[in-house]
Amino acid sequence: MSILLAVIMVVFGVAAVLTVIRIVRGPSILDRAVASDVLLTEVMCVLGAEMAINGHTRSIPVLLIIAAIGVFGSIAVARFVARRDNTTP
């Protein structure tokens, strides 16, 4: 089981590093928004894998909060981009 946990952490760690690079480099705000959604999804997957490996459900409220943050963050960015596009000639 520890080998499986190590493989999961390495895969998600590499994915998280690549996602953070995309957040930093951009080039647009929409690229950064998608990358931040991917990062939140990766965190949720790590928590879900940890729950499955250890056989508990204590992290489900945390998963729900992270999902809500992702949804509301995406909506906020979409509204910001829509308003910015309407104001440019």
PDB file of N, CA and C in Angstrom:
ATOM      1  N   MET A   1       0.823  -1.196   0.000  1.00  0.00           N
ATOM      2  CA  MET A   1       0.000   0.000   0.000  1.00  0.00           C
ATOM      3  C   MET A   1       0.866   1.258   0.000  1.00  0.00           C
ATOM      4  N   SER A   2       2.027   1.210   0.635  1.00  0.00           N
ATOM      5  CA  SER A   2       2.882   2.393   0.678  1.00  0.00           C
ATOM      6  C   SER A   2       3.465   2.699  -0.699  1.00  0.00           C
ATOM      7  N   ILE A   3       3.678   1.666  -1.526  1.00  0.00           N
ATOM      8  CA  ILE A   3       4.167   1.904  -2.881  1.00  0.00           C
ATOM      9  C   ILE A   3       3.100   2.627  -3.696  1.00  0.00           C
ATOM     10  N   LEU A   4       1.857   2.199  -3.546  1.00  0.00           N
ATOM     11  CA  LEU A   4       0.747   2.859  -4.237  1.00  0.00           C
ATOM     12  C   LEU A   4       0.625   4.312  -3.806  1.00  0.00           C
ATOM     13  N   LEU A   5       0.739   4.565  -2.527  1.00  0.00           N
ATOM     14  CA  LEU A   5       0.672   5.936  -2.020  1.00  0.00           C
ATOM     15  C   LEU A   5       1.812   6.777  -2.567  1.00  0.00           C
ATOM     16  N   ALA A   6       3.008   6.209  -2.646  1.00  0.00           N
ATOM     17  CA  ALA A   6       4.156   6.942  -3.179  1.00  0.00           C
ATOM     18  C   ALA A   6       3.953   7.274  -4.655  1.00  0.00           C
ATOM     19  N   VAL A   7       3.447   6.327  -5.420  1.00  0.00           N
ATOM     20  CA  VAL A   7       3.207   6.575  -6.841  1.00  0.00           C
ATOM     21  C   VAL A   7       2.145   7.656  -7.020  1.00  0.00           C
ATOM     22  N   ILE A   8       1.078   7.586  -6.244  1.00  0.00           N
ATOM     23  CA  ILE A   8       0.019   8.594  -6.330  1.00  0.00           C
ATOM     24  C   ILE A   8       0.565   9.978  -6.000  1.00  0.00           C
ATOM     25  N   MET A   9       1.349  10.075  -4.957  1.00  0.00           N
ATOM     26  CA  MET A   9       1.883  11.381  -4.561  1.00  0.00           C
ATOM     27  C   MET A   9       2.865  11.934  -5.596  1.00  0.00           C
ATOM     28  N   VAL A  10       3.657  11.069  -6.206  1.00  0.00           N
ATOM     29  CA  VAL A  10       4.590  11.536  -7.235  1.00  0.00           C
ATOM     30  C   VAL A  10       3.827  12.041  -8.455  1.00  0.00           C
ATOM     31  N   VAL A  11       2.832  11.294  -8.897  1.00  0.00           N
ATOM     32  CA  VAL A  11       2.060  11.696 -10.075  1.00  0.00           C
ATOM     33  C   VAL A  11       1.334  13.006  -9.817  1.00  0.00           C
ATOM     34  N   PHE A  12       0.662  13.101  -8.683  1.00  0.00           N
ATOM     35  CA  PHE A  12      -0.048  14.343  -8.387  1.00  0.00           C
ATOM     36  C   PHE A  12       0.912  15.492  -8.087  1.00  0.00           C
ATOM     37  N   GLY A  13       2.071  15.202  -7.541  1.00  0.00           N
ATOM     38  CA  GLY A  13       3.066  16.247  -7.308  1.00  0.00           C
ATOM     39  C   GLY A  13       3.584  16.837  -8.602  1.00  0.00           C
ATOM     40  N   VAL A  14       3.886  15.981  -9.567  1.00  0.00           N
ATOM     41  CA  VAL A  14       4.350  16.464 -10.873  1.00  0.00           C
ATOM     42  C   VAL A  14       3.241  17.264 -11.559  1.00  0.00           C
ATOM     43  N   ALA A  15       2.023  16.768 -11.496  1.00  0.00           N
ATOM     44  CA  ALA A  15       0.899  17.490 -12.092  1.00  0.00           C
ATOM     45  C   ALA A  15       0.698  18.846 -11.423  1.00  0.00           C
ATOM     46  N   ALA A  16       0.850  18.906 -10.104  1.00  0.00           N
ATOM     47  CA  ALA A  16       0.686  20.179  -9.390  1.00  0.00           C
ATOM     48  C   ALA A  16       1.779  21.174  -9.772  1.00  0.00           C
ATOM     49  N   VAL A  17       3.009  20.699  -9.909  1.00  0.00           N
ATOM     50  CA  VAL A  17       4.113  21.587 -10.302  1.00  0.00           C
ATOM     51  C   VAL A  17       3.867  22.140 -11.703  1.00  0.00           C
ATOM     52  N   LEU A  18       3.450  21.292 -12.626  1.00  0.00           N
ATOM     53  CA  LEU A  18       3.165  21.753 -13.984  1.00  0.00           C
ATOM     54  C   LEU A  18       1.996  22.735 -14.002  1.00  0.00           C
ATOM     55  N   THR A  19       1.018  22.510 -13.151  1.00  0.00           N
ATOM     56  CA  THR A  19      -0.120  23.420 -13.077  1.00  0.00           C
ATOM     57  C   THR A  19       0.281  24.769 -12.507  1.00  0.00           C
ATOM     58  N   VAL A  20       1.120  24.772 -11.496  1.00  0.00           N
ATOM     59  CA  VAL A  20       1.603  26.038 -10.924  1.00  0.00           C
ATOM     60  C   VAL A  20       2.424  26.803 -11.953  1.00  0.00           C
ATOM     61  N   ILE A  21       3.200  26.100 -12.753  1.00  0.00           N
ATOM     62  CA  ILE A  21       3.952  26.765 -13.821  1.00  0.00           C
ATOM     63  C   ILE A  21       2.996  27.434 -14.799  1.00  0.00           C
ATOM     64  N   ARG A  22       1.912  26.757 -15.142  1.00  0.00           N
ATOM     65  CA  ARG A  22       0.918  27.349 -16.051  1.00  0.00           C
ATOM     66  C   ARG A  22       0.255  28.556 -15.408  1.00  0.00           C
ATOM     67  N   ILE A  23       0.003  28.514 -14.114  1.00  0.00           N
ATOM     68  CA  ILE A  23      -0.592  29.662 -13.424  1.00  0.00           C
ATOM     69  C   ILE A  23       0.354  30.853 -13.465  1.00  0.00           C
ATOM     70  N   VAL A  24       1.633  30.615 -13.252  1.00  0.00           N
ATOM     71  CA  VAL A  24       2.609  31.706 -13.217  1.00  0.00           C
ATOM     72  C   VAL A  24       2.858  32.275 -14.612  1.00  0.00           C
ATOM     73  N   ARG A  25       2.993  31.410 -15.608  1.00  0.00           N
ATOM     74  CA  ARG A  25       3.376  31.865 -16.946  1.00  0.00           C
ATOM     75  C   ARG A  25       2.214  32.407 -17.764  1.00  0.00           C
ATOM     76  N   GLY A  26       1.016  32.005 -17.459  1.00  0.00           N
ATOM     77  CA  GLY A  26      -0.139  32.556 -18.170  1.00  0.00           C
ATOM     78  C   GLY A  26      -0.377  31.905 -19.513  1.00  0.00           C
ATOM     79  N   PRO A  27      -0.500  32.582 -20.572  1.00  0.00           N
ATOM     80  CA  PRO A  27      -0.345  34.006 -20.868  1.00  0.00           C
ATOM     81  C   PRO A  27      -1.602  34.840 -20.620  1.00  0.00           C
ATOM     82  N   SER A  28      -2.773  34.232 -20.557  1.00  0.00           N
ATOM     83  CA  SER A  28      -3.980  35.037 -20.349  1.00  0.00           C
ATOM     84  C   SER A  28      -4.617  34.678 -19.009  1.00  0.00           C
ATOM     85  N   ILE A  29      -5.572  35.511 -18.626  1.00  0.00           N
ATOM     86  CA  ILE A  29      -6.254  35.263 -17.360  1.00  0.00           C
ATOM     87  C   ILE A  29      -7.099  33.991 -17.433  1.00  0.00           C
ATOM     88  N   LEU A  30      -7.599  33.663 -18.620  1.00  0.00           N
ATOM     89  CA  LEU A  30      -8.387  32.441 -18.751  1.00  0.00           C
ATOM     90  C   LEU A  30      -7.511  31.200 -18.593  1.00  0.00           C
ATOM     91  N   ASP A  31      -6.268  31.256 -19.098  1.00  0.00           N
ATOM     92  CA  ASP A  31      -5.339  30.145 -18.887  1.00  0.00           C
ATOM     93  C   ASP A  31      -5.056  29.954 -17.403  1.00  0.00           C
ATOM     94  N   ARG A  32      -4.884  31.052 -16.708  1.00  0.00           N
ATOM     95  CA  ARG A  32      -4.634  30.975 -15.265  1.00  0.00           C
ATOM     96  C   ARG A  32      -5.847  30.446 -14.519  1.00  0.00           C
ATOM     97  N   ALA A  33      -7.036  30.833 -14.941  1.00  0.00           N
ATOM     98  CA  ALA A  33      -8.263  30.355 -14.291  1.00  0.00           C
ATOM     99  C   ALA A  33      -8.440  28.853 -14.490  1.00  0.00           C
ATOM    100  N   VAL A  34      -8.193  28.382 -15.694  1.00  0.00           N
ATOM    101  CA  VAL A  34      -8.307  26.944 -15.956  1.00  0.00           C
ATOM    102  C   VAL A  34      -7.259  26.186 -15.154  1.00  0.00           C
ATOM    103  N   ALA A  35      -6.044  26.716 -15.092  1.00  0.00           N
ATOM    104  CA  ALA A  35      -4.988  26.051 -14.327  1.00  0.00           C
ATOM    105  C   ALA A  35      -5.318  26.024 -12.838  1.00  0.00           C
ATOM    106  N   SER A  36      -5.919  27.080 -12.318  1.00  0.00           N
ATOM    107  CA  SER A  36      -6.281  27.065 -10.897  1.00  0.00           C
ATOM    108  C   SER A  36      -7.406  26.060 -10.636  1.00  0.00           C
ATOM    109  N   ASP A  37      -8.322  25.902 -11.586  1.00  0.00           N
ATOM    110  CA  ASP A  37      -9.358  24.868 -11.450  1.00  0.00           C
ATOM    111  C   ASP A  37      -8.733  23.477 -11.471  1.00  0.00           C
ATOM    112  N   VAL A  38      -7.750  23.292 -12.332  1.00  0.00           N
ATOM    113  CA  VAL A  38      -7.056  21.998 -12.386  1.00  0.00           C
ATOM    114  C   VAL A  38      -6.332  21.733 -11.069  1.00  0.00           C
ATOM    115  N   LEU A  39      -5.711  22.759 -10.503  1.00  0.00           N
ATOM    116  CA  LEU A  39      -5.010  22.590  -9.231  1.00  0.00           C
ATOM    117  C   LEU A  39      -5.980  22.230  -8.108  1.00  0.00           C
ATOM    118  N   LEU A  40      -7.126  22.877  -8.076  1.00  0.00           N
ATOM    119  CA  LEU A  40      -8.135  22.524  -7.075  1.00  0.00           C
ATOM    120  C   LEU A  40      -8.631  21.093  -7.273  1.00  0.00           C
ATOM    121  N   THR A  41      -8.791  20.688  -8.517  1.00  0.00           N
ATOM    122  CA  THR A  41      -9.205  19.321  -8.803  1.00  0.00           C
ATOM    123  C   THR A  41      -8.155  18.317  -8.362  1.00  0.00           C
ATOM    124  N   GLU A  42      -6.893  18.662  -8.560  1.00  0.00           N
ATOM    125  CA  GLU A  42      -5.812  17.784  -8.113  1.00  0.00           C
ATOM    126  C   GLU A  42      -5.812  17.637  -6.592  1.00  0.00           C
ATOM    127  N   VAL A  43      -6.056  18.726  -5.897  1.00  0.00           N
ATOM    128  CA  VAL A  43      -6.122  18.659  -4.439  1.00  0.00           C
ATOM    129  C   VAL A  43      -7.288  17.771  -4.016  1.00  0.00           C
ATOM    130  N   MET A  44      -8.413  17.907  -4.694  1.00  0.00           N
ATOM    131  CA  MET A  44      -9.562  17.062  -4.379  1.00  0.00           C
ATOM    132  C   MET A  44      -9.263  15.588  -4.649  1.00  0.00           C
ATOM    133  N   CYS A  45      -8.550  15.310  -5.735  1.00  0.00           N
ATOM    134  CA  CYS A  45      -8.199  13.918  -6.051  1.00  0.00           C
ATOM    135  C   CYS A  45      -7.240  13.340  -5.019  1.00  0.00           C
ATOM    136  N   VAL A  46      -6.299  14.149  -4.558  1.00  0.00           N
ATOM    137  CA  VAL A  46      -5.371  13.673  -3.526  1.00  0.00           C
ATOM    138  C   VAL A  46      -6.126  13.373  -2.235  1.00  0.00           C
ATOM    139  N   LEU A  47      -7.041  14.262  -1.858  1.00  0.00           N
ATOM    140  CA  LEU A  47      -7.838  13.999  -0.660  1.00  0.00           C
ATOM    141  C   LEU A  47      -8.712  12.762  -0.825  1.00  0.00           C
ATOM    142  N   GLY A  48      -9.295  12.594  -2.008  1.00  0.00           N
ATOM    143  CA  GLY A  48     -10.103  11.405  -2.262  1.00  0.00           C
ATOM    144  C   GLY A  48      -9.278  10.129  -2.231  1.00  0.00           C
ATOM    145  N   ALA A  49      -8.084  10.171  -2.801  1.00  0.00           N
ATOM    146  CA  ALA A  49      -7.206   8.998  -2.766  1.00  0.00           C
ATOM    147  C   ALA A  49      -6.779   8.689  -1.341  1.00  0.00           C
ATOM    148  N   GLU A  50      -6.502   9.715  -0.567  1.00  0.00           N
ATOM    149  CA  GLU A  50      -6.125   9.506   0.829  1.00  0.00           C
ATOM    150  C   GLU A  50      -7.275   8.882   1.616  1.00  0.00           C
ATOM    151  N   MET A  51      -8.500   9.343   1.351  1.00  0.00           N
ATOM    152  CA  MET A  51      -9.655   8.750   2.028  1.00  0.00           C
ATOM    153  C   MET A  51      -9.838   7.296   1.625  1.00  0.00           C
ATOM    154  N   ALA A  52      -9.641   6.994   0.340  1.00  0.00           N
ATOM    155  CA  ALA A  52      -9.817   5.619  -0.121  1.00  0.00           C
ATOM    156  C   ALA A  52      -8.741   4.698   0.451  1.00  0.00           C
ATOM    157  N   ILE A  53      -7.516   5.186   0.515  1.00  0.00           N
ATOM    158  CA  ILE A  53      -6.424   4.351   1.026  1.00  0.00           C
ATOM    159  C   ILE A  53      -6.574   4.103   2.518  1.00  0.00           C
ATOM    160  N   ASN A  54      -6.940   5.145   3.274  1.00  0.00           N
ATOM    161  CA  ASN A  54      -7.053   5.000   4.723  1.00  0.00           C
ATOM    162  C   ASN A  54      -8.441   4.557   5.185  1.00  0.00           C
ATOM    163  N   GLY A  55      -9.407   4.494   4.285  1.00  0.00           N
ATOM    164  CA  GLY A  55     -10.722   3.972   4.614  1.00  0.00           C
ATOM    165  C   GLY A  55     -11.537   4.837   5.554  1.00  0.00           C
ATOM    166  N   HIS A  56     -11.561   6.139   5.317  1.00  0.00           N
ATOM    167  CA  HIS A  56     -12.385   7.026   6.143  1.00  0.00           C
ATOM    168  C   HIS A  56     -13.093   8.039   5.249  1.00  0.00           C
ATOM    169  N   THR A  57     -14.017   8.777   5.828  1.00  0.00           N
ATOM    170  CA  THR A  57     -14.764   9.796   5.078  1.00  0.00           C
ATOM    171  C   THR A  57     -14.737  11.154   5.783  1.00  0.00           C
ATOM    172  N   ARG A  58     -13.745  11.387   6.614  1.00  0.00           N
ATOM    173  CA  ARG A  58     -13.694  12.637   7.378  1.00  0.00           C
ATOM    174  C   ARG A  58     -13.408  13.859   6.515  1.00  0.00           C
ATOM    175  N   SER A  59     -12.876  13.686   5.320  1.00  0.00           N
ATOM    176  CA  SER A  59     -12.489  14.820   4.474  1.00  0.00           C
ATOM    177  C   SER A  59     -13.572  15.250   3.490  1.00  0.00           C
ATOM    178  N   ILE A  60     -14.735  14.638   3.550  1.00  0.00           N
ATOM    179  CA  ILE A  60     -15.801  14.991   2.608  1.00  0.00           C
ATOM    180  C   ILE A  60     -16.239  16.452   2.741  1.00  0.00           C
ATOM    181  N   PRO A  61     -16.381  17.026   3.943  1.00  0.00           N
ATOM    182  CA  PRO A  61     -16.714  18.459   4.008  1.00  0.00           C
ATOM    183  C   PRO A  61     -15.650  19.349   3.373  1.00  0.00           C
ATOM    184  N   VAL A  62     -14.402  18.969   3.513  1.00  0.00           N
ATOM    185  CA  VAL A  62     -13.322  19.737   2.887  1.00  0.00           C
ATOM    186  C   VAL A  62     -13.444  19.661   1.370  1.00  0.00           C
ATOM    187  N   LEU A  63     -13.761  18.476   0.852  1.00  0.00           N
ATOM    188  CA  LEU A  63     -13.942  18.323  -0.588  1.00  0.00           C
ATOM    189  C   LEU A  63     -15.079  19.203  -1.097  1.00  0.00           C
ATOM    190  N   LEU A  64     -16.164  19.271  -0.346  1.00  0.00           N
ATOM    191  CA  LEU A  64     -17.295  20.106  -0.757  1.00  0.00           C
ATOM    192  C   LEU A  64     -16.925  21.588  -0.763  1.00  0.00           C
ATOM    193  N   ILE A  65     -16.169  22.022   0.220  1.00  0.00           N
ATOM    194  CA  ILE A  65     -15.751  23.428   0.278  1.00  0.00           C
ATOM    195  C   ILE A  65     -14.811  23.747  -0.871  1.00  0.00           C
ATOM    196  N   ILE A  66     -13.878  22.861  -1.165  1.00  0.00           N
ATOM    197  CA  ILE A  66     -12.949  23.086  -2.277  1.00  0.00           C
ATOM    198  C   ILE A  66     -13.722  23.141  -3.597  1.00  0.00           C
ATOM    199  N   ALA A  67     -14.697  22.264  -3.778  1.00  0.00           N
ATOM    200  CA  ALA A  67     -15.508  22.275  -5.001  1.00  0.00           C
ATOM    201  C   ALA A  67     -16.283  23.582  -5.127  1.00  0.00           C
ATOM    202  N   ALA A  68     -16.844  24.060  -4.025  1.00  0.00           N
ATOM    203  CA  ALA A  68     -17.588  25.325  -4.057  1.00  0.00           C
ATOM    204  C   ALA A  68     -16.672  26.492  -4.396  1.00  0.00           C
ATOM    205  N   ILE A  69     -15.474  26.499  -3.840  1.00  0.00           N
ATOM    206  CA  ILE A  69     -14.511  27.561  -4.151  1.00  0.00           C
ATOM    207  C   ILE A  69     -14.169  27.537  -5.638  1.00  0.00           C
ATOM    208  N   GLY A  70     -13.989  26.350  -6.184  1.00  0.00           N
ATOM    209  CA  GLY A  70     -13.677  26.235  -7.606  1.00  0.00           C
ATOM    210  C   GLY A  70     -14.800  26.755  -8.486  1.00  0.00           C
ATOM    211  N   VAL A  71     -16.025  26.394  -8.163  1.00  0.00           N
ATOM    212  CA  VAL A  71     -17.174  26.839  -8.965  1.00  0.00           C
ATOM    213  C   VAL A  71     -17.338  28.345  -8.878  1.00  0.00           C
ATOM    214  N   PHE A  72     -17.328  28.883  -7.667  1.00  0.00           N
ATOM    215  CA  PHE A  72     -17.525  30.320  -7.510  1.00  0.00           C
ATOM    216  C   PHE A  72     -16.352  31.117  -8.085  1.00  0.00           C
ATOM    217  N   GLY A  73     -15.155  30.581  -7.991  1.00  0.00           N
ATOM    218  CA  GLY A  73     -14.001  31.244  -8.594  1.00  0.00           C
ATOM    219  C   GLY A  73     -14.106  31.289 -10.103  1.00  0.00           C
ATOM    220  N   SER A  74     -14.544  30.208 -10.711  1.00  0.00           N
ATOM    221  CA  SER A  74     -14.714  30.174 -12.166  1.00  0.00           C
ATOM    222  C   SER A  74     -15.792  31.155 -12.612  1.00  0.00           C
ATOM    223  N   ILE A  75     -16.874  31.224 -11.866  1.00  0.00           N
ATOM    224  CA  ILE A  75     -17.936  32.172 -12.200  1.00  0.00           C
ATOM    225  C   ILE A  75     -17.435  33.605 -12.086  1.00  0.00           C
ATOM    226  N   ALA A  76     -16.666  33.896 -11.052  1.00  0.00           N
ATOM    227  CA  ALA A  76     -16.144  35.251 -10.866  1.00  0.00           C
ATOM    228  C   ALA A  76     -15.197  35.636 -12.001  1.00  0.00           C
ATOM    229  N   VAL A  77     -14.337  34.735 -12.393  1.00  0.00           N
ATOM    230  CA  VAL A  77     -13.407  35.035 -13.488  1.00  0.00           C
ATOM    231  C   VAL A  77     -14.165  35.213 -14.794  1.00  0.00           C
ATOM    232  N   ALA A  78     -15.157  34.373 -15.048  1.00  0.00           N
ATOM    233  CA  ALA A  78     -15.937  34.499 -16.280  1.00  0.00           C
ATOM    234  C   ALA A  78     -16.676  35.835 -16.330  1.00  0.00           C
ATOM    235  N   ARG A  79     -17.236  36.255 -15.206  1.00  0.00           N
ATOM    236  CA  ARG A  79     -17.919  37.560 -15.176  1.00  0.00           C
ATOM    237  C   ARG A  79     -16.941  38.700 -15.368  1.00  0.00           C
ATOM    238  N   PHE A  80     -15.751  38.591 -14.778  1.00  0.00           N
ATOM    239  CA  PHE A  80     -14.727  39.630 -14.931  1.00  0.00           C
ATOM    240  C   PHE A  80     -14.303  39.740 -16.387  1.00  0.00           C
ATOM    241  N   VAL A  81     -14.047  38.619 -17.028  1.00  0.00           N
ATOM    242  CA  VAL A  81     -13.611  38.627 -18.418  1.00  0.00           C
ATOM    243  C   VAL A  81     -14.721  39.142 -19.322  1.00  0.00           C
ATOM    244  N   ALA A  82     -15.966  38.779 -19.041  1.00  0.00           N
ATOM    245  CA  ALA A  82     -17.090  39.255 -19.847  1.00  0.00           C
ATOM    246  C   ALA A  82     -17.253  40.761 -19.732  1.00  0.00           C
ATOM    247  N   ARG A  83     -17.102  41.297 -18.539  1.00  0.00           N
ATOM    248  CA  ARG A  83     -17.209  42.759 -18.375  1.00  0.00           C
ATOM    249  C   ARG A  83     -16.053  43.475 -19.043  1.00  0.00           C
ATOM    250  N   ARG A  84     -14.869  42.897 -18.953  1.00  0.00           N
ATOM    251  CA  ARG A  84     -13.698  43.524 -19.563  1.00  0.00           C
ATOM    252  C   ARG A  84     -13.827  43.518 -21.080  1.00  0.00           C
ATOM    253  N   ASP A  85     -14.376  42.442 -21.643  1.00  0.00           N
ATOM    254  CA  ASP A  85     -14.549  42.375 -23.105  1.00  0.00           C
ATOM    255  C   ASP A  85     -15.613  43.352 -23.599  1.00  0.00           C
ATOM    256  N   ASN A  86     -16.608  43.623 -22.773  1.00  0.00           N
ATOM    257  CA  ASN A  86     -17.664  44.566 -23.175  1.00  0.00           C
ATOM    258  C   ASN A  86     -17.201  46.011 -23.168  1.00  0.00           C
ATOM    259  N   THR A  87     -16.209  46.350 -22.348  1.00  0.00           N
ATOM    260  CA  THR A  87     -15.759  47.735 -22.231  1.00  0.00           C
ATOM    261  C   THR A  87     -14.704  48.107 -23.270  1.00  0.00           C
ATOM    262  N   THR A  88     -14.038  47.139 -23.864  1.00  0.00           N
ATOM    263  CA  THR A  88     -13.018  47.457 -24.860  1.00  0.00           C
ATOM    264  C   THR A  88     -13.675  47.730 -26.202  1.00  0.00           C
ATOM    265  N   PRO A  89     -13.209  48.774 -26.897  1.00  0.00           N
ATOM    266  CA  PRO A  89     -13.837  49.118 -28.201  1.00  0.00           C
ATOM    267  C   PRO A  89     -13.462  48.174 -29.303  1.00  0.00           C
TER     268      PRO A  89
END
